[in-house]
Amino acid sequence: MLTATAPIHITRMELTFHHDLPGFKGARHFMIEPLGEPDAEVFASLHCSDTVYVQEGMPVDNLVLLVMSPGAFWHDYEVRVEDALVGELELTEPDDAALLVIVHPKDPLTDSTVNLYSPIVYNRRTGAADQLVPAASEQEVGWSIRAPFPNE
C-alpha cells in the first residue's frame, strides 16, 4: 500500500491508462499540457488522442479534460493506493506517484467542482496511469466527487 500526497509540479508528458477512463470508453492515451505561469502550474489540460465513446455509443474526438494538482488547494489531501495498482503502475518509489483530479469547470472558475473522490494516479517516470476508484463510499474516504473550491 502506498499513500500518495500532493502537490506536484505538473509537467508536459504522455500518460497511458491501463483501463479506460470511467465514462469514456476507449480513452487510454493522453497528453498533459500545463496551464498557467511557468514554475507555478496548478492546472493542466488532459488531451486524449483516442476516439472516445460516451453514453449510447456516441463517438467523441479531441476529448480534453481540465485537471489540477489537488494539493494546491487541499493541503491535507492524500489517498491510499492499493498494492495491485502500485504494481500495475510500477510505482517503485513514493516519489514516482503523482495525483491529478478532474475539474468540472463552471463560470466563474471559483464555482467549479473537483472530483477528489477518484483521482488519477500516474507514474511520473513512465507515464503509466489509472483513475483510482475507491471501493469505499465518499463518506468513508472523506473526499467528494463534486467538491467545491475552498474559500481561501
N, C-alpha and C. Protein backbone atom coordinates (compact mmCIF):
# COMPACT_ATOMS: atom_id res chain seq x y z
N MET A 1 0.85 -1.17 0.00
CA MET A 1 0.00 0.00 0.00
C MET A 1 0.90 1.23 0.00
N LEU A 2 0.49 2.23 -0.75
CA LEU A 2 1.24 3.47 -0.88
C LEU A 2 0.29 4.62 -0.56
N THR A 3 0.76 5.60 0.17
CA THR A 3 -0.02 6.81 0.39
C THR A 3 0.55 7.89 -0.51
N ALA A 4 -0.30 8.40 -1.40
CA ALA A 4 0.14 9.45 -2.33
C ALA A 4 -0.38 10.79 -1.82
N THR A 5 0.49 11.76 -1.80
CA THR A 5 0.12 13.11 -1.37
C THR A 5 0.38 14.08 -2.50
N ALA A 6 0.07 15.31 -2.26
CA ALA A 6 0.24 16.34 -3.28
C ALA A 6 0.71 17.59 -2.57
N PRO A 7 1.14 18.66 -3.16
CA PRO A 7 1.03 18.97 -4.57
C PRO A 7 2.22 18.46 -5.38
N ILE A 8 2.06 18.57 -6.68
CA ILE A 8 3.14 18.22 -7.59
C ILE A 8 3.32 19.39 -8.55
N HIS A 9 4.46 19.41 -9.18
CA HIS A 9 4.71 20.36 -10.27
C HIS A 9 4.31 19.62 -11.54
N ILE A 10 3.31 20.12 -12.23
CA ILE A 10 2.80 19.45 -13.43
C ILE A 10 3.71 19.77 -14.60
N THR A 11 4.16 18.72 -15.27
CA THR A 11 4.98 18.88 -16.46
C THR A 11 4.31 18.19 -17.64
N ARG A 12 4.69 18.61 -18.83
CA ARG A 12 4.13 18.02 -20.05
C ARG A 12 4.65 16.59 -20.18
N MET A 13 3.73 15.65 -20.35
CA MET A 13 4.13 14.27 -20.59
C MET A 13 2.95 13.45 -21.10
N GLU A 14 3.27 12.31 -21.69
CA GLU A 14 2.24 11.39 -22.16
C GLU A 14 1.84 10.46 -21.03
N LEU A 15 0.54 10.17 -20.95
CA LEU A 15 0.02 9.20 -19.99
C LEU A 15 -0.68 8.09 -20.76
N THR A 16 -0.45 6.86 -20.32
CA THR A 16 -1.15 5.71 -20.89
C THR A 16 -1.89 5.02 -19.76
N PHE A 17 -3.21 5.02 -19.85
CA PHE A 17 -4.05 4.40 -18.84
C PHE A 17 -4.13 2.90 -19.09
N HIS A 18 -4.11 2.11 -18.03
CA HIS A 18 -4.23 0.66 -18.14
C HIS A 18 -5.67 0.24 -18.38
N HIS A 19 -6.62 1.09 -18.00
CA HIS A 19 -8.05 0.85 -18.21
C HIS A 19 -8.65 2.12 -18.79
N ASP A 20 -9.79 1.97 -19.47
CA ASP A 20 -10.49 3.15 -19.98
C ASP A 20 -10.81 4.08 -18.83
N LEU A 21 -10.73 5.37 -19.08
CA LEU A 21 -11.15 6.35 -18.09
C LEU A 21 -12.66 6.15 -17.89
N PRO A 22 -13.11 5.96 -16.64
CA PRO A 22 -14.54 5.69 -16.41
C PRO A 22 -15.44 6.73 -17.09
N GLY A 23 -16.44 6.21 -17.82
CA GLY A 23 -17.38 7.06 -18.53
C GLY A 23 -16.95 7.41 -19.94
N PHE A 24 -15.71 7.04 -20.30
CA PHE A 24 -15.16 7.39 -21.61
C PHE A 24 -14.52 6.14 -22.23
N LYS A 25 -15.34 5.31 -22.89
CA LYS A 25 -14.87 4.06 -23.47
C LYS A 25 -13.81 4.33 -24.53
N GLY A 26 -12.66 3.68 -24.38
CA GLY A 26 -11.57 3.83 -25.34
C GLY A 26 -10.56 4.90 -24.97
N ALA A 27 -10.80 5.65 -23.91
CA ALA A 27 -9.91 6.75 -23.52
C ALA A 27 -8.74 6.20 -22.72
N ARG A 28 -7.60 6.04 -23.39
CA ARG A 28 -6.42 5.49 -22.72
C ARG A 28 -5.13 6.28 -22.96
N HIS A 29 -5.05 7.05 -24.01
CA HIS A 29 -3.81 7.77 -24.34
C HIS A 29 -4.04 9.28 -24.24
N PHE A 30 -3.25 9.91 -23.38
CA PHE A 30 -3.42 11.33 -23.08
C PHE A 30 -2.10 12.06 -23.07
N MET A 31 -2.18 13.38 -23.23
CA MET A 31 -1.04 14.27 -23.08
C MET A 31 -1.43 15.32 -22.04
N ILE A 32 -0.58 15.46 -21.02
CA ILE A 32 -0.78 16.52 -20.02
C ILE A 32 -0.11 17.77 -20.56
N GLU A 33 -0.84 18.87 -20.59
CA GLU A 33 -0.31 20.17 -21.00
C GLU A 33 -0.52 21.16 -19.86
N PRO A 34 0.55 21.56 -19.16
CA PRO A 34 0.39 22.52 -18.06
C PRO A 34 -0.20 23.84 -18.55
N LEU A 35 -1.01 24.46 -17.70
CA LEU A 35 -1.61 25.75 -17.98
C LEU A 35 -1.13 26.75 -16.95
N GLY A 36 -0.91 27.96 -17.34
CA GLY A 36 -0.52 28.99 -16.38
C GLY A 36 0.93 29.38 -16.48
N GLU A 37 1.38 30.09 -15.46
CA GLU A 37 2.74 30.61 -15.42
C GLU A 37 3.77 29.49 -15.29
N PRO A 38 4.91 29.60 -15.95
CA PRO A 38 5.96 28.60 -15.77
C PRO A 38 6.36 28.51 -14.30
N ASP A 39 6.62 27.30 -13.85
CA ASP A 39 7.01 27.00 -12.46
C ASP A 39 5.89 27.22 -11.46
N ALA A 40 4.67 27.50 -11.91
CA ALA A 40 3.56 27.68 -10.98
C ALA A 40 2.30 26.98 -11.51
N GLU A 41 2.49 25.95 -12.31
CA GLU A 41 1.34 25.28 -12.91
C GLU A 41 0.56 24.51 -11.86
N VAL A 42 -0.70 24.85 -11.70
CA VAL A 42 -1.62 24.13 -10.83
C VAL A 42 -2.60 23.36 -11.70
N PHE A 43 -3.01 23.98 -12.81
CA PHE A 43 -3.98 23.39 -13.71
C PHE A 43 -3.27 22.87 -14.96
N ALA A 44 -3.93 21.90 -15.60
CA ALA A 44 -3.41 21.37 -16.86
C ALA A 44 -4.59 20.88 -17.69
N SER A 45 -4.36 20.78 -18.98
CA SER A 45 -5.36 20.13 -19.83
C SER A 45 -4.87 18.71 -20.08
N LEU A 46 -5.80 17.82 -20.18
CA LEU A 46 -5.51 16.41 -20.43
C LEU A 46 -6.17 16.07 -21.76
N HIS A 47 -5.34 16.01 -22.83
CA HIS A 47 -5.82 15.79 -24.20
C HIS A 47 -5.78 14.30 -24.51
N CYS A 48 -6.91 13.75 -24.93
CA CYS A 48 -6.98 12.34 -25.31
C CYS A 48 -6.75 12.22 -26.81
N SER A 49 -5.87 11.30 -27.21
CA SER A 49 -5.59 11.11 -28.63
C SER A 49 -6.42 9.97 -29.24
N ASP A 50 -7.23 9.31 -28.43
CA ASP A 50 -8.08 8.21 -28.91
C ASP A 50 -9.46 8.74 -29.31
N THR A 51 -10.15 7.95 -30.16
CA THR A 51 -11.57 8.21 -30.35
C THR A 51 -12.27 7.60 -29.14
N VAL A 52 -13.08 8.39 -28.50
CA VAL A 52 -13.71 8.00 -27.24
C VAL A 52 -15.21 7.86 -27.48
N TYR A 53 -15.80 6.90 -26.80
CA TYR A 53 -17.24 6.69 -26.91
C TYR A 53 -17.88 6.95 -25.55
N VAL A 54 -18.93 7.77 -25.58
CA VAL A 54 -19.65 8.09 -24.36
C VAL A 54 -21.00 7.38 -24.40
N GLN A 55 -21.87 7.71 -23.49
CA GLN A 55 -23.16 7.03 -23.39
C GLN A 55 -23.84 6.90 -24.75
N GLU A 56 -24.50 5.79 -24.93
CA GLU A 56 -25.20 5.46 -26.16
C GLU A 56 -24.26 5.35 -27.36
N GLY A 57 -22.97 5.11 -27.12
CA GLY A 57 -22.02 4.85 -28.19
C GLY A 57 -21.66 6.04 -29.05
N MET A 58 -21.92 7.25 -28.58
CA MET A 58 -21.59 8.44 -29.37
C MET A 58 -20.08 8.66 -29.37
N PRO A 59 -19.45 8.75 -30.56
CA PRO A 59 -18.01 8.99 -30.59
C PRO A 59 -17.68 10.45 -30.31
N VAL A 60 -16.56 10.65 -29.62
CA VAL A 60 -16.07 11.99 -29.32
C VAL A 60 -14.60 12.03 -29.71
N ASP A 61 -14.26 12.92 -30.61
CA ASP A 61 -12.86 13.14 -30.95
C ASP A 61 -12.37 14.35 -30.18
N ASN A 62 -11.10 14.39 -29.89
CA ASN A 62 -10.48 15.53 -29.22
C ASN A 62 -11.04 15.79 -27.83
N LEU A 63 -11.20 14.75 -27.04
CA LEU A 63 -11.62 14.90 -25.66
C LEU A 63 -10.53 15.63 -24.88
N VAL A 64 -10.92 16.70 -24.20
CA VAL A 64 -9.99 17.47 -23.37
C VAL A 64 -10.63 17.65 -22.00
N LEU A 65 -9.89 17.30 -20.95
CA LEU A 65 -10.36 17.46 -19.58
C LEU A 65 -9.48 18.48 -18.87
N LEU A 66 -10.07 19.24 -17.98
CA LEU A 66 -9.31 20.14 -17.13
C LEU A 66 -8.96 19.38 -15.86
N VAL A 67 -7.68 19.34 -15.51
CA VAL A 67 -7.22 18.65 -14.31
C VAL A 67 -6.35 19.59 -13.50
N MET A 68 -6.10 19.18 -12.26
CA MET A 68 -5.24 20.00 -11.41
C MET A 68 -4.54 19.13 -10.39
N SER A 69 -3.50 19.70 -9.81
CA SER A 69 -2.83 19.09 -8.67
C SER A 69 -3.65 19.43 -7.43
N PRO A 70 -4.24 18.45 -6.76
CA PRO A 70 -5.15 18.76 -5.65
C PRO A 70 -4.49 19.43 -4.45
N GLY A 71 -3.21 19.21 -4.23
CA GLY A 71 -2.53 19.78 -3.08
C GLY A 71 -2.42 21.28 -3.10
N ALA A 72 -2.67 21.90 -4.26
CA ALA A 72 -2.60 23.35 -4.34
C ALA A 72 -3.69 24.02 -3.50
N PHE A 73 -4.85 23.37 -3.36
CA PHE A 73 -5.96 23.94 -2.60
C PHE A 73 -6.34 23.10 -1.39
N TRP A 74 -6.13 21.80 -1.46
CA TRP A 74 -6.47 20.89 -0.37
C TRP A 74 -5.15 20.36 0.21
N HIS A 75 -4.60 21.08 1.16
CA HIS A 75 -3.27 20.80 1.67
C HIS A 75 -3.18 19.48 2.43
N ASP A 76 -4.30 18.97 2.91
CA ASP A 76 -4.29 17.70 3.63
C ASP A 76 -4.74 16.53 2.75
N TYR A 77 -4.81 16.74 1.45
CA TYR A 77 -5.29 15.71 0.53
C TYR A 77 -4.27 14.59 0.40
N GLU A 78 -4.72 13.37 0.61
CA GLU A 78 -3.91 12.20 0.35
C GLU A 78 -4.83 11.03 0.09
N VAL A 79 -4.34 10.08 -0.67
CA VAL A 79 -5.11 8.87 -0.95
C VAL A 79 -4.21 7.66 -0.74
N ARG A 80 -4.85 6.56 -0.42
CA ARG A 80 -4.13 5.30 -0.26
C ARG A 80 -4.30 4.49 -1.53
N VAL A 81 -3.18 4.10 -2.10
CA VAL A 81 -3.18 3.35 -3.35
C VAL A 81 -2.89 1.89 -3.00
N GLU A 82 -3.82 1.01 -3.34
CA GLU A 82 -3.68 -0.40 -3.03
C GLU A 82 -2.52 -1.03 -3.80
N ASP A 83 -1.99 -2.11 -3.25
CA ASP A 83 -0.83 -2.78 -3.82
C ASP A 83 -1.02 -3.19 -5.28
N ALA A 84 -2.23 -3.62 -5.64
CA ALA A 84 -2.47 -4.04 -7.03
C ALA A 84 -2.22 -2.89 -8.00
N LEU A 85 -2.71 -1.68 -7.66
CA LEU A 85 -2.49 -0.52 -8.54
C LEU A 85 -1.04 -0.06 -8.49
N VAL A 86 -0.42 -0.14 -7.32
CA VAL A 86 1.00 0.20 -7.19
C VAL A 86 1.82 -0.67 -8.15
N GLY A 87 1.53 -1.98 -8.17
CA GLY A 87 2.23 -2.89 -9.06
C GLY A 87 1.93 -2.64 -10.52
N GLU A 88 0.66 -2.41 -10.83
CA GLU A 88 0.25 -2.17 -12.22
C GLU A 88 0.92 -0.93 -12.80
N LEU A 89 1.06 0.11 -11.97
CA LEU A 89 1.67 1.35 -12.44
C LEU A 89 3.18 1.39 -12.22
N GLU A 90 3.73 0.29 -11.66
CA GLU A 90 5.16 0.17 -11.41
C GLU A 90 5.69 1.33 -10.57
N LEU A 91 4.98 1.62 -9.48
CA LEU A 91 5.37 2.69 -8.56
C LEU A 91 6.36 2.11 -7.56
N THR A 92 7.64 2.16 -7.91
CA THR A 92 8.66 1.54 -7.06
C THR A 92 9.15 2.46 -5.96
N GLU A 93 9.03 3.76 -6.13
CA GLU A 93 9.43 4.76 -5.14
C GLU A 93 8.24 5.66 -4.84
N PRO A 94 8.10 6.14 -3.60
CA PRO A 94 6.96 7.03 -3.30
C PRO A 94 6.91 8.26 -4.20
N ASP A 95 8.06 8.79 -4.61
CA ASP A 95 8.07 9.98 -5.48
C ASP A 95 7.62 9.68 -6.91
N ASP A 96 7.51 8.39 -7.27
CA ASP A 96 7.01 8.04 -8.59
C ASP A 96 5.54 8.43 -8.75
N ALA A 97 4.77 8.35 -7.67
CA ALA A 97 3.32 8.55 -7.72
C ALA A 97 2.97 10.04 -7.75
N ALA A 98 2.09 10.39 -8.66
CA ALA A 98 1.56 11.75 -8.74
C ALA A 98 0.05 11.66 -8.88
N LEU A 99 -0.63 12.69 -8.39
CA LEU A 99 -2.09 12.73 -8.42
C LEU A 99 -2.58 13.91 -9.23
N LEU A 100 -3.63 13.68 -9.97
CA LEU A 100 -4.38 14.73 -10.65
C LEU A 100 -5.84 14.50 -10.33
N VAL A 101 -6.61 15.57 -10.24
CA VAL A 101 -8.05 15.45 -10.07
C VAL A 101 -8.74 16.18 -11.21
N ILE A 102 -9.88 15.65 -11.62
CA ILE A 102 -10.63 16.23 -12.73
C ILE A 102 -11.49 17.38 -12.21
N VAL A 103 -11.39 18.50 -12.90
CA VAL A 103 -12.15 19.70 -12.56
C VAL A 103 -13.38 19.74 -13.45
N HIS A 104 -14.54 20.01 -12.85
CA HIS A 104 -15.78 20.21 -13.59
C HIS A 104 -15.96 21.72 -13.69
N PRO A 105 -15.47 22.35 -14.80
CA PRO A 105 -15.41 23.81 -14.86
C PRO A 105 -16.78 24.47 -14.98
N LYS A 106 -16.85 25.61 -14.32
CA LYS A 106 -18.02 26.48 -14.38
C LYS A 106 -17.50 27.91 -14.50
N ASP A 107 -18.39 28.81 -14.86
CA ASP A 107 -18.03 30.22 -14.96
C ASP A 107 -18.75 30.97 -13.85
N PRO A 108 -18.04 31.60 -12.94
CA PRO A 108 -16.59 31.73 -12.84
C PRO A 108 -15.95 30.44 -12.32
N LEU A 109 -14.64 30.34 -12.53
CA LEU A 109 -13.91 29.14 -12.15
C LEU A 109 -14.07 28.80 -10.68
N THR A 110 -14.26 29.79 -9.83
CA THR A 110 -14.42 29.54 -8.39
C THR A 110 -15.71 28.79 -8.08
N ASP A 111 -16.66 28.72 -9.02
CA ASP A 111 -17.88 27.93 -8.85
C ASP A 111 -17.71 26.49 -9.34
N SER A 112 -16.54 26.16 -9.85
CA SER A 112 -16.26 24.82 -10.35
C SER A 112 -16.20 23.83 -9.20
N THR A 113 -16.32 22.55 -9.54
CA THR A 113 -16.14 21.49 -8.55
C THR A 113 -15.03 20.57 -9.01
N VAL A 114 -14.53 19.76 -8.08
CA VAL A 114 -13.39 18.89 -8.36
C VAL A 114 -13.72 17.49 -7.84
N ASN A 115 -13.32 16.48 -8.60
CA ASN A 115 -13.52 15.09 -8.17
C ASN A 115 -12.34 14.66 -7.30
N LEU A 116 -12.47 14.84 -6.00
CA LEU A 116 -11.43 14.42 -5.06
C LEU A 116 -11.59 12.96 -4.67
N TYR A 117 -12.75 12.39 -4.94
CA TYR A 117 -13.04 11.00 -4.57
C TYR A 117 -12.21 10.00 -5.37
N SER A 118 -12.10 10.24 -6.68
CA SER A 118 -11.40 9.27 -7.53
C SER A 118 -10.35 9.98 -8.39
N PRO A 119 -9.18 10.21 -7.82
CA PRO A 119 -8.12 10.91 -8.54
C PRO A 119 -7.46 10.04 -9.61
N ILE A 120 -6.78 10.69 -10.50
CA ILE A 120 -5.91 10.00 -11.45
C ILE A 120 -4.56 9.82 -10.77
N VAL A 121 -4.08 8.59 -10.76
CA VAL A 121 -2.77 8.28 -10.20
C VAL A 121 -1.88 7.93 -11.38
N TYR A 122 -0.69 8.56 -11.44
CA TYR A 122 0.21 8.21 -12.54
C TYR A 122 1.65 8.15 -12.07
N ASN A 123 2.43 7.42 -12.84
CA ASN A 123 3.85 7.25 -12.58
C ASN A 123 4.60 8.36 -13.32
N ARG A 124 5.28 9.23 -12.58
CA ARG A 124 5.98 10.37 -13.20
C ARG A 124 7.19 9.94 -14.03
N ARG A 125 7.68 8.72 -13.84
CA ARG A 125 8.79 8.24 -14.65
C ARG A 125 8.33 7.63 -15.96
N THR A 126 7.25 6.82 -15.90
CA THR A 126 6.85 6.03 -17.06
C THR A 126 5.60 6.54 -17.77
N GLY A 127 4.77 7.32 -17.10
CA GLY A 127 3.52 7.78 -17.68
C GLY A 127 2.38 6.78 -17.55
N ALA A 128 2.62 5.65 -16.90
CA ALA A 128 1.54 4.68 -16.65
C ALA A 128 0.53 5.33 -15.72
N ALA A 129 -0.77 5.16 -16.01
CA ALA A 129 -1.79 5.87 -15.24
C ALA A 129 -3.05 5.05 -15.10
N ASP A 130 -3.87 5.44 -14.13
CA ASP A 130 -5.21 4.90 -13.98
C ASP A 130 -5.99 5.80 -13.03
N GLN A 131 -7.30 5.75 -13.15
CA GLN A 131 -8.12 6.51 -12.21
C GLN A 131 -8.44 5.59 -11.04
N LEU A 132 -8.13 6.06 -9.85
CA LEU A 132 -8.39 5.32 -8.63
C LEU A 132 -9.85 5.50 -8.25
N VAL A 133 -10.60 4.40 -8.23
CA VAL A 133 -12.00 4.45 -7.82
C VAL A 133 -12.12 3.61 -6.55
N PRO A 134 -12.17 4.25 -5.39
CA PRO A 134 -12.21 3.52 -4.13
C PRO A 134 -13.47 2.66 -4.00
N ALA A 135 -13.33 1.54 -3.30
CA ALA A 135 -14.48 0.68 -3.03
C ALA A 135 -15.35 1.29 -1.94
N ALA A 136 -14.77 2.12 -1.10
CA ALA A 136 -15.50 2.75 0.00
C ALA A 136 -16.32 3.92 -0.53
N SER A 137 -17.28 4.36 0.27
CA SER A 137 -18.14 5.48 -0.10
C SER A 137 -17.40 6.80 0.07
N GLU A 138 -17.99 7.87 -0.45
CA GLU A 138 -17.42 9.21 -0.29
C GLU A 138 -17.25 9.54 1.20
N GLN A 139 -18.23 9.16 2.01
CA GLN A 139 -18.16 9.46 3.43
C GLN A 139 -17.00 8.70 4.10
N GLU A 140 -16.80 7.45 3.71
CA GLU A 140 -15.71 6.65 4.29
C GLU A 140 -14.34 7.18 3.86
N VAL A 141 -14.23 7.57 2.61
CA VAL A 141 -12.97 8.08 2.08
C VAL A 141 -12.70 9.49 2.60
N GLY A 142 -13.76 10.27 2.75
CA GLY A 142 -13.62 11.64 3.25
C GLY A 142 -13.47 12.69 2.16
N TRP A 143 -13.62 12.28 0.90
CA TRP A 143 -13.48 13.22 -0.22
C TRP A 143 -14.67 13.05 -1.15
N SER A 144 -15.12 14.16 -1.74
CA SER A 144 -16.32 14.19 -2.55
C SER A 144 -16.03 14.12 -4.05
N ILE A 145 -17.01 13.62 -4.79
CA ILE A 145 -16.93 13.61 -6.26
C ILE A 145 -17.08 15.03 -6.80
N ARG A 146 -17.84 15.86 -6.13
CA ARG A 146 -18.09 17.24 -6.58
C ARG A 146 -17.73 18.22 -5.46
N ALA A 147 -16.47 18.23 -5.09
CA ALA A 147 -16.01 19.12 -4.01
C ALA A 147 -15.88 20.55 -4.54
N PRO A 148 -16.43 21.52 -3.82
CA PRO A 148 -16.25 22.91 -4.23
C PRO A 148 -14.85 23.39 -3.91
N PHE A 149 -14.40 24.41 -4.61
CA PHE A 149 -13.11 25.01 -4.29
C PHE A 149 -13.20 25.67 -2.91
N PRO A 150 -12.14 25.56 -2.11
CA PRO A 150 -12.18 26.21 -0.80
C PRO A 150 -12.15 27.73 -0.94
N ASN A 151 -12.70 28.40 0.04
CA ASN A 151 -12.71 29.87 0.05
C ASN A 151 -11.44 30.36 0.72
N GLU A 152 -10.36 30.44 -0.03
CA GLU A 152 -9.08 30.92 0.53
C GLU A 152 -8.70 32.22 -0.12
